[in-house]
PDB file of N, CA and C in Angstrom:
ATOM      1  N   THR A   1     -36.197  -6.734  12.845  1.00  0.00           N
ATOM      2  CA  THR A   1     -37.034  -7.208  11.692  1.00  0.00           C
ATOM      3  C   THR A   1     -35.930  -7.492  10.818  1.00  0.00           C
ATOM      4  N   ASP A   2     -36.298  -8.199   9.686  1.00  0.00           N
ATOM      5  CA  ASP A   2     -35.611  -8.721   8.469  1.00  0.00           C
ATOM      6  C   ASP A   2     -34.936  -7.494   7.871  1.00  0.00           C
ATOM      7  N   GLU A   3     -35.850  -6.355   7.725  1.00  0.00           N
ATOM      8  CA  GLU A   3     -35.508  -5.186   6.915  1.00  0.00           C
ATOM      9  C   GLU A   3     -34.334  -4.569   7.792  1.00  0.00           C
ATOM     10  N   GLU A   4     -34.430  -4.645   9.014  1.00  0.00           N
ATOM     11  CA  GLU A   4     -33.340  -3.930   9.695  1.00  0.00           C
ATOM     12  C   GLU A   4     -31.899  -4.872   9.656  1.00  0.00           C
ATOM     13  N   LEU A   5     -32.265  -6.045   9.701  1.00  0.00           N
ATOM     14  CA  LEU A   5     -30.978  -6.830   9.493  1.00  0.00           C
ATOM     15  C   LEU A   5     -30.343  -6.917   8.058  1.00  0.00           C
ATOM     16  N   ILE A   6     -31.320  -6.637   7.297  1.00  0.00           N
ATOM     17  CA  ILE A   6     -30.599  -6.518   5.795  1.00  0.00           C
ATOM     18  C   ILE A   6     -29.809  -5.019   5.584  1.00  0.00           C
ATOM     19  N   GLU A   7     -30.472  -4.064   6.322  1.00  0.00           N
ATOM     20  CA  GLU A   7     -29.968  -2.738   6.451  1.00  0.00           C
ATOM     21  C   GLU A   7     -28.385  -2.858   7.185  1.00  0.00           C
ATOM     22  N   TRP A   8     -28.313  -3.414   8.325  1.00  0.00           N
ATOM     23  CA  TRP A   8     -27.304  -3.617   9.105  1.00  0.00           C
ATOM     24  C   TRP A   8     -26.192  -4.373   8.197  1.00  0.00           C
ATOM     25  N   GLN A   9     -26.626  -5.477   7.591  1.00  0.00           N
ATOM     26  CA  GLN A   9     -25.656  -6.244   6.841  1.00  0.00           C
ATOM     27  C   GLN A   9     -25.084  -5.326   5.779  1.00  0.00           C
ATOM     28  N   THR A  10     -25.836  -4.712   5.075  1.00  0.00           N
ATOM     29  CA  THR A  10     -25.408  -3.660   4.085  1.00  0.00           C
ATOM     30  C   THR A  10     -24.259  -2.573   4.277  1.00  0.00           C
ATOM     31  N   LYS A  11     -24.727  -2.017   5.804  1.00  0.00           N
ATOM     32  CA  LYS A  11     -23.570  -1.103   6.115  1.00  0.00           C
ATOM     33  C   LYS A  11     -22.423  -1.960   6.612  1.00  0.00           C
ATOM     34  N   PHE A  12     -22.574  -2.948   7.022  1.00  0.00           N
ATOM     35  CA  PHE A  12     -21.253  -3.871   7.350  1.00  0.00           C
ATOM     36  C   PHE A  12     -20.373  -4.176   6.330  1.00  0.00           C
ATOM     37  N   GLN A  13     -21.279  -4.575   5.192  1.00  0.00           N
ATOM     38  CA  GLN A  13     -20.452  -5.141   4.134  1.00  0.00           C
ATOM     39  C   GLN A  13     -19.610  -3.648   3.436  1.00  0.00           C
ATOM     40  N   GLU A  14     -20.327  -2.640   3.357  1.00  0.00           N
ATOM     41  CA  GLU A  14     -19.875  -1.414   2.911  1.00  0.00           C
ATOM     42  C   GLU A  14     -18.750  -0.912   3.674  1.00  0.00           C
ATOM     43  N   ARG A  15     -18.744  -1.071   4.882  1.00  0.00           N
ATOM     44  CA  ARG A  15     -17.653  -0.813   5.975  1.00  0.00           C
ATOM     45  C   ARG A  15     -16.483  -1.641   5.510  1.00  0.00           C
ATOM     46  N   ILE A  16     -16.774  -2.983   5.420  1.00  0.00           N
ATOM     47  CA  ILE A  16     -15.683  -3.934   5.212  1.00  0.00           C
ATOM     48  C   ILE A  16     -14.796  -3.619   3.829  1.00  0.00           C
ATOM     49  N   ALA A  17     -15.658  -3.291   2.791  1.00  0.00           N
ATOM     50  CA  ALA A  17     -15.189  -2.877   1.583  1.00  0.00           C
ATOM     51  C   ALA A  17     -14.208  -1.497   1.740  1.00  0.00           C
ATOM     52  N   LEU A  18     -14.759  -0.786   2.360  1.00  0.00           N
ATOM     53  CA  LEU A  18     -13.933   0.480   2.617  1.00  0.00           C
ATOM     54  C   LEU A  18     -12.628   0.031   3.495  1.00  0.00           C
ATOM     55  N   LEU A  19     -12.680  -0.722   4.466  1.00  0.00           N
ATOM     56  CA  LEU A  19     -11.305  -1.014   5.221  1.00  0.00           C
ATOM     57  C   LEU A  19     -10.675  -1.807   4.263  1.00  0.00           C
ATOM     58  N   GLN A  20     -11.133  -2.769   3.439  1.00  0.00           N
ATOM     59  CA  GLN A  20     -10.151  -3.399   2.496  1.00  0.00           C
ATOM     60  C   GLN A  20      -9.623  -2.710   1.700  1.00  0.00           C
ATOM     61  N   SER A  21     -10.342  -1.566   1.127  1.00  0.00           N
ATOM     62  CA  SER A  21      -9.550  -0.724   0.240  1.00  0.00           C
ATOM     63  C   SER A  21      -8.571  -0.003   0.875  1.00  0.00           C
ATOM     64  N   LYS A  22      -8.787   0.521   2.233  1.00  0.00           N
ATOM     65  CA  LYS A  22      -7.727   1.289   2.935  1.00  0.00           C
ATOM     66  C   LYS A  22      -6.374   0.199   3.104  1.00  0.00           C
ATOM     67  N   ILE A  23      -6.603  -0.993   3.462  1.00  0.00           N
ATOM     68  CA  ILE A  23      -5.483  -1.818   3.633  1.00  0.00           C
ATOM     69  C   ILE A  23      -4.764  -2.100   2.333  1.00  0.00           C
ATOM     70  N   SER A  24      -5.527  -2.118   1.311  1.00  0.00           N
ATOM     71  CA  SER A  24      -4.778  -2.417  -0.194  1.00  0.00           C
ATOM     72  C   SER A  24      -3.917  -1.211  -0.248  1.00  0.00           C
ATOM     73  N   LYS A  25      -4.571  -0.092  -0.102  1.00  0.00           N
ATOM     74  CA  LYS A  25      -3.569   1.343  -0.315  1.00  0.00           C
ATOM     75  C   LYS A  25      -2.443   1.304   0.458  1.00  0.00           C
ATOM     76  N   LEU A  26      -2.535   0.947   1.927  1.00  0.00           N
ATOM     77  CA  LEU A  26      -1.484   0.979   2.799  1.00  0.00           C
ATOM     78  C   LEU A  26      -0.411  -0.085   2.338  1.00  0.00           C
ATOM     79  N   GLU A  27      -0.960  -1.409   1.937  1.00  0.00           N
ATOM     80  CA  GLU A  27       0.106  -2.187   1.450  1.00  0.00           C
ATOM     81  C   GLU A  27       0.871  -1.718   0.217  1.00  0.00           C
ATOM     82  N   ARG A  28       0.167  -1.238  -0.795  1.00  0.00           N
ATOM     83  CA  ARG A  28       0.781  -0.711  -2.064  1.00  0.00           C
ATOM     84  C   ARG A  28       1.901   0.494  -1.430  1.00  0.00           C
ATOM     85  N   ASP A  29       1.472   1.337  -0.473  1.00  0.00           N
ATOM     86  CA  ASP A  29       2.423   2.242  -0.030  1.00  0.00           C
ATOM     87  C   ASP A  29       3.650   1.605   0.672  1.00  0.00           C
ATOM     88  N   ALA A  30       3.453   0.680   1.485  1.00  0.00           N
ATOM     89  CA  ALA A  30       4.522   0.062   1.897  1.00  0.00           C
ATOM     90  C   ALA A  30       5.537  -0.494   1.091  1.00  0.00           C
ATOM     91  N   GLN A  31       4.961  -1.220  -0.081  1.00  0.00           N
ATOM     92  CA  GLN A  31       5.719  -1.626  -1.232  1.00  0.00           C
ATOM     93  C   GLN A  31       6.324  -0.736  -1.817  1.00  0.00           C
ATOM     94  N   ASP A  32       5.909   0.324  -1.986  1.00  0.00           N
ATOM     95  CA  ASP A  32       6.532   1.470  -2.674  1.00  0.00           C
ATOM     96  C   ASP A  32       7.619   2.062  -1.862  1.00  0.00           C
ATOM     97  N   ALA A  33       7.388   2.063  -0.536  1.00  0.00           N
ATOM     98  CA  ALA A  33       8.599   2.726   0.366  1.00  0.00           C
ATOM     99  C   ALA A  33       9.708   1.561   0.421  1.00  0.00           C
ATOM    100  N   THR A  34       9.389   0.266   0.275  1.00  0.00           N
ATOM    101  CA  THR A  34      10.376  -0.716   0.257  1.00  0.00           C
ATOM    102  C   THR A  34      11.116  -0.754  -1.093  1.00  0.00           C
ATOM    103  N   THR A  35      10.465  -0.754  -2.247  1.00  0.00           N
ATOM    104  CA  THR A  35      11.131  -0.266  -3.569  1.00  0.00           C
ATOM    105  C   THR A  35      12.140   0.999  -3.632  1.00  0.00           C
ATOM    106  N   MET A  36      11.481   2.049  -2.982  1.00  0.00           N
ATOM    107  CA  MET A  36      12.483   3.236  -2.871  1.00  0.00           C
ATOM    108  C   MET A  36      13.592   2.979  -1.988  1.00  0.00           C
ATOM    109  N   SER A  37      13.399   2.338  -0.849  1.00  0.00           N
ATOM    110  CA  SER A  37      14.519   2.342  -0.055  1.00  0.00           C
ATOM    111  C   SER A  37      15.491   1.182  -0.677  1.00  0.00           C
ATOM    112  N   SER A  38      15.076   0.344  -1.470  1.00  0.00           N
ATOM    113  CA  SER A  38      16.012  -0.477  -2.145  1.00  0.00           C
ATOM    114  C   SER A  38      16.891   0.302  -3.293  1.00  0.00           C
ATOM    115  N   PHE A  39      16.166   1.172  -3.861  1.00  0.00           N
ATOM    116  CA  PHE A  39      16.744   2.115  -4.959  1.00  0.00           C
ATOM    117  C   PHE A  39      17.950   2.878  -4.278  1.00  0.00           C
ATOM    118  N   HIS A  40      17.548   3.711  -3.081  1.00  0.00           N
ATOM    119  CA  HIS A  40      18.362   4.361  -2.413  1.00  0.00           C
ATOM    120  C   HIS A  40      19.659   3.844  -1.820  1.00  0.00           C
ATOM    121  N   SER A  41      19.297   2.530  -1.490  1.00  0.00           N
ATOM    122  CA  SER A  41      20.439   1.715  -0.937  1.00  0.00           C
ATOM    123  C   SER A  41      21.443   1.354  -1.920  1.00  0.00           C
ATOM    124  N   LYS A  42      20.803   1.119  -3.315  1.00  0.00           N
ATOM    125  CA  LYS A  42      21.961   0.767  -4.207  1.00  0.00           C
ATOM    126  C   LYS A  42      22.557   2.001  -4.745  1.00  0.00           C
ATOM    127  N   ASP A  43      21.885   3.216  -4.890  1.00  0.00           N
ATOM    128  CA  ASP A  43      22.550   4.367  -5.000  1.00  0.00           C
ATOM    129  C   ASP A  43      23.591   4.810  -4.225  1.00  0.00           C
ATOM    130  N   ILE A  44      23.576   4.478  -2.829  1.00  0.00           N
ATOM    131  CA  ILE A  44      24.522   4.760  -1.661  1.00  0.00           C
ATOM    132  C   ILE A  44      25.565   3.753  -2.025  1.00  0.00           C
ATOM    133  N   ASN A  45      25.409   2.656  -2.177  1.00  0.00           N
ATOM    134  CA  ASN A  45      26.457   1.701  -2.555  1.00  0.00           C
ATOM    135  C   ASN A  45      27.299   2.059  -3.659  1.00  0.00           C
ATOM    136  N   ASP A  46      26.511   2.626  -4.923  1.00  0.00           N
ATOM    137  CA  ASP A  46      27.363   2.965  -6.063  1.00  0.00           C
ATOM    138  C   ASP A  46      28.197   4.367  -5.915  1.00  0.00           C
ATOM    139  N   TYR A  47      27.757   5.200  -4.950  1.00  0.00           N
ATOM    140  CA  TYR A  47      28.304   6.504  -4.760  1.00  0.00           C
ATOM    141  C   TYR A  47      29.790   6.035  -3.926  1.00  0.00           C
ATOM    142  N   ILE A  48      29.490   5.017  -2.962  1.00  0.00           N
ATOM    143  CA  ILE A  48      30.666   4.682  -2.129  1.00  0.00           C
ATOM    144  C   ILE A  48      31.602   4.183  -2.974  1.00  0.00           C
ATOM    145  N   ARG A  49      31.333   3.038  -3.743  1.00  0.00           N
ATOM    146  CA  ARG A  49      32.200   2.584  -4.642  1.00  0.00           C
ATOM    147  C   ARG A  49      33.001   3.626  -5.468  1.00  0.00           C
ATOM    148  N   GLU A  50      32.030   4.652  -6.119  1.00  0.00           N
ATOM    149  CA  GLU A  50      32.676   5.648  -6.799  1.00  0.00           C
ATOM    150  C   GLU A  50      33.594   6.467  -6.114  1.00  0.00           C
ATOM    151  N   ALA A  51      33.350   6.918  -4.907  1.00  0.00           N
ATOM    152  CA  ALA A  51      34.312   7.734  -3.821  1.00  0.00           C
ATOM    153  C   ALA A  51      35.472   6.976  -3.908  1.00  0.00           C
ATOM    154  N   GLY A  52      35.439   5.592  -3.522  1.00  0.00           N
ATOM    155  CA  GLY A  52      36.563   4.801  -3.272  1.00  0.00           C
ATOM    156  C   GLY A  52      37.441   4.716  -4.593  1.00  0.00           C
ATOM    157  N   LYS A  53      36.881   4.696  -5.532  1.00  0.00           N
ATOM    158  CA  LYS A  53      37.680   4.653  -6.980  1.00  0.00           C
ATOM    159  C   LYS A  53      38.499   6.062  -7.269  1.00  0.00           C
ATOM    160  N   LEU A  54      37.686   7.088  -6.818  1.00  0.00           N
ATOM    161  CA  LEU A  54      38.197   8.448  -6.938  1.00  0.00           C
ATOM    162  C   LEU A  54      39.320   8.677  -5.742  1.00  0.00           C
ATOM    163  N   GLN A  55      39.077   8.111  -4.615  1.00  0.00           N
ATOM    164  CA  GLN A  55      40.171   8.201  -3.508  1.00  0.00           C
ATOM    165  C   GLN A  55      41.534   7.503  -4.152  1.00  0.00           C
ATOM    166  N   ALA A  56      41.210   6.316  -4.632  1.00  0.00           N
ATOM    167  CA  ALA A  56      42.323   5.518  -5.134  1.00  0.00           C
ATOM    168  C   ALA A  56      43.087   6.220  -6.277  1.00  0.00           C
ATOM    169  N   GLU A  57      42.486   6.989  -7.012  1.00  0.00           N
ATOM    170  CA  GLU A  57      43.002   7.475  -8.207  1.00  0.00           C
ATOM    171  C   GLU A  57      43.879   8.666  -7.494  1.00  0.00           C
ATOM    172  N   ALA A  58      43.342   9.306  -6.661  1.00  0.00           N
ATOM    173  CA  ALA A  58      44.010  10.650  -6.112  1.00  0.00           C
ATOM    174  C   ALA A  58      45.433   9.989  -5.481  1.00  0.00           C
ATOM    175  N   GLU A  59      45.355   8.905  -4.864  1.00  0.00           N
ATOM    176  CA  GLU A  59      46.632   8.403  -4.025  1.00  0.00           C
ATOM    177  C   GLU A  59      47.823   8.266  -4.892  1.00  0.00           C
TER     178      GLU A  59
END
C-alpha cells in the first residue's frame, strides 16, 4: 500500500541520513589524523635539525 511505501521511504531516508553523518565524521577524523601527522612530521624535522646543530657545535 501507499502507506507502507511511505513508511519504507521514511526509514530508508533516515538510514541514509545516519550513514551520511557517519561518513562525515569519518572524513573529519581522517582529516584530523592527516593534520596531526603533518604536525608530527614538522616536529621531527625540527628536532633532527636541532640535533644536527648541537652535534656540529659539539665537534
